Protein backbone atom coordinates (compact mmCIF):
# COMPACT_ATOMS: atom_id res chain seq x y z
CA MET A 1 76.37 90.96 106.66
CA THR A 2 78.55 92.82 104.26
CA ASP A 3 77.25 93.88 100.90
CA LEU A 4 78.55 91.64 98.70
CA ASP A 5 77.41 93.79 95.62
CA SER A 6 79.59 96.46 97.15
CA LEU A 7 83.23 95.10 97.04
CA LYS A 8 85.19 94.42 94.37
CA TYR A 9 87.47 91.61 93.61
CA THR A 10 90.81 90.25 92.13
CA ASP A 11 91.40 86.70 90.22
CA GLU A 12 93.51 85.95 93.02
CA HIS A 13 89.99 85.39 95.52
CA GLU A 14 90.06 88.58 97.50
CA TRP A 15 87.58 91.12 98.23
CA ILE A 16 88.14 94.48 98.87
CA ALA A 17 85.87 97.16 100.47
CA LEU A 18 86.36 100.68 99.54
CA GLU A 19 85.64 103.75 101.67
CA GLY A 20 87.20 107.42 100.28
CA ASP A 21 91.30 105.92 100.26
CA VAL A 22 91.08 102.91 102.39
CA ALA A 23 91.02 99.72 100.82
CA THR A 24 90.10 96.77 103.72
CA VAL A 25 91.24 93.69 102.04
CA GLY A 26 90.20 90.09 102.74
CA ILE A 27 90.31 86.75 101.31
CA THR A 28 86.94 85.41 99.77
CA ASP A 29 84.64 82.68 101.32
CA TYR A 30 85.77 81.29 97.99
CA ALA A 31 88.92 81.00 98.53
CA ALA A 32 88.44 79.90 102.54
CA ASP A 33 86.83 76.62 101.40
CA LYS A 34 89.09 75.87 99.29
CA LEU A 35 92.10 76.65 101.60
CA GLY A 36 90.27 74.44 104.32
CA ASP A 37 91.12 75.26 107.93
CA VAL A 38 93.65 78.60 107.91
CA VAL A 39 95.99 78.01 110.83
CA TYR A 40 98.78 81.05 110.23
CA VAL A 41 98.70 84.21 108.22
CA ASP A 42 101.52 86.51 107.62
CA LEU A 43 100.85 89.52 106.82
CA PRO A 44 103.01 92.88 106.07
CA ALA A 45 104.15 95.26 108.76
CA VAL A 46 102.58 98.42 109.56
CA GLY A 47 103.74 101.47 107.15
CA SER A 48 105.18 99.35 104.95
CA THR A 49 104.25 99.63 100.90
CA VAL A 50 102.41 96.81 99.05
CA SER A 51 102.75 96.94 95.11
CA ALA A 52 99.68 95.21 93.20
CA GLY A 53 100.42 92.17 91.96
CA ASP A 54 103.33 91.65 94.30
CA VAL A 55 103.25 88.75 97.56
CA CYS A 56 102.95 90.76 100.35
CA GLY A 57 101.99 87.65 102.51
CA GLU A 58 101.38 84.17 103.33
CA ILE A 59 98.56 82.10 104.38
CA GLU A 60 98.83 78.24 105.41
CA SER A 61 96.34 76.06 106.26
CA THR A 62 95.76 72.24 107.05
CA LYS A 63 95.78 71.37 103.34
CA SER A 64 98.44 74.01 101.59
CA VAL A 65 100.24 76.96 101.83
CA GLY A 66 99.24 80.25 99.71
CA GLU A 67 100.61 83.28 98.87
CA LEU A 68 98.79 86.68 99.29
CA TYR A 69 98.87 89.06 96.56
CA ALA A 70 98.76 92.59 97.02
CA PRO A 71 95.04 93.92 95.41
CA LEU A 72 96.51 97.49 95.16
CA THR A 73 99.45 99.52 95.38
CA GLY A 74 99.75 101.38 98.90
CA GLU A 75 100.44 101.74 102.48
CA VAL A 76 99.73 99.08 105.39
CA LEU A 77 98.00 101.38 107.62
CA GLU A 78 96.45 98.35 109.82
CA VAL A 79 96.51 94.37 110.06
CA ASN A 80 94.23 92.34 111.51
CA GLU A 81 95.80 90.99 114.77
CA ASP A 82 92.80 88.83 115.72
CA VAL A 83 93.43 87.38 112.78
CA VAL A 84 97.26 86.46 113.24
CA ALA A 85 96.32 85.54 116.34
CA ASP A 86 93.30 83.54 115.33
CA PRO A 87 93.53 82.62 111.99
CA SER A 88 90.79 80.32 112.05
CA LEU A 89 88.52 83.83 112.15
CA VAL A 90 89.09 83.70 108.29
CA ASN A 91 87.04 80.46 107.96
CA ALA A 92 85.07 81.62 110.14
CA ASP A 93 83.58 84.53 108.24
CA ALA A 94 86.06 85.95 105.37
CA PHE A 95 84.71 89.27 105.99
CA ALA A 96 84.98 89.92 109.74
CA GLY A 97 88.29 88.08 109.09
CA TRP A 98 89.59 90.98 106.78
CA LEU A 99 93.72 90.60 106.63
CA VAL A 100 94.89 94.47 105.83
CA ARG A 101 93.96 98.12 105.38
CA LEU A 102 95.43 100.40 102.79
CA ARG A 103 95.84 103.81 101.95
CA VAL A 104 95.37 103.74 98.06
CA THR A 105 95.12 106.13 95.13
CA ALA A 106 91.49 105.73 93.14
CA SER A 107 93.14 105.09 89.89
CA ASP A 108 94.40 101.30 91.12
CA VAL A 109 90.85 100.55 91.17
CA ASP A 110 90.19 99.95 87.77
CA GLY A 111 91.62 96.72 86.96
CA LEU A 112 89.45 94.63 90.07
CA LEU A 113 86.57 92.60 89.35
CA ASP A 114 82.83 93.59 90.56
CA ARG A 115 80.64 90.69 91.99
CA ALA A 116 79.44 89.17 88.90
CA ALA A 117 82.75 88.78 87.41
CA TYR A 118 83.89 87.50 90.24
CA VAL A 119 81.06 84.50 90.36
CA ALA A 120 81.62 84.27 86.62
CA LEU A 121 85.44 83.65 87.52
CA THR A 122 84.76 80.72 90.31
CA GLY A 123 82.04 78.94 88.22
CA GLY A 124 78.92 80.39 89.86
CA GLU A 125 80.12 79.33 93.06
CA GLU A 126 80.16 81.99 95.91
């Protein structure tokens, strides 16, 4: 189980696990629950650069299509090919169903939310 308090969050319902200059990014359980059954993900290409706040992909469920926003600026190091092949992994475990890994600079993380701020944003829902 991922230590939720060690993660950072965005108001676009993404979680970020930072390990040095590598950020693993996924959508939160809250977002996965609101989306419903995820049936398709479109992720940025490995080697591409994404900019914080910009659309970098798409996630489609049986209920709706949503845009994925880059939480940080960086180079895409890896995409989760398991999720591309089986998008339902996002619903099964939002943390195992991570989406991308980015190489980022530490200064980019200042605007991210901590766990308490994210829980407050979602009205107490985890």
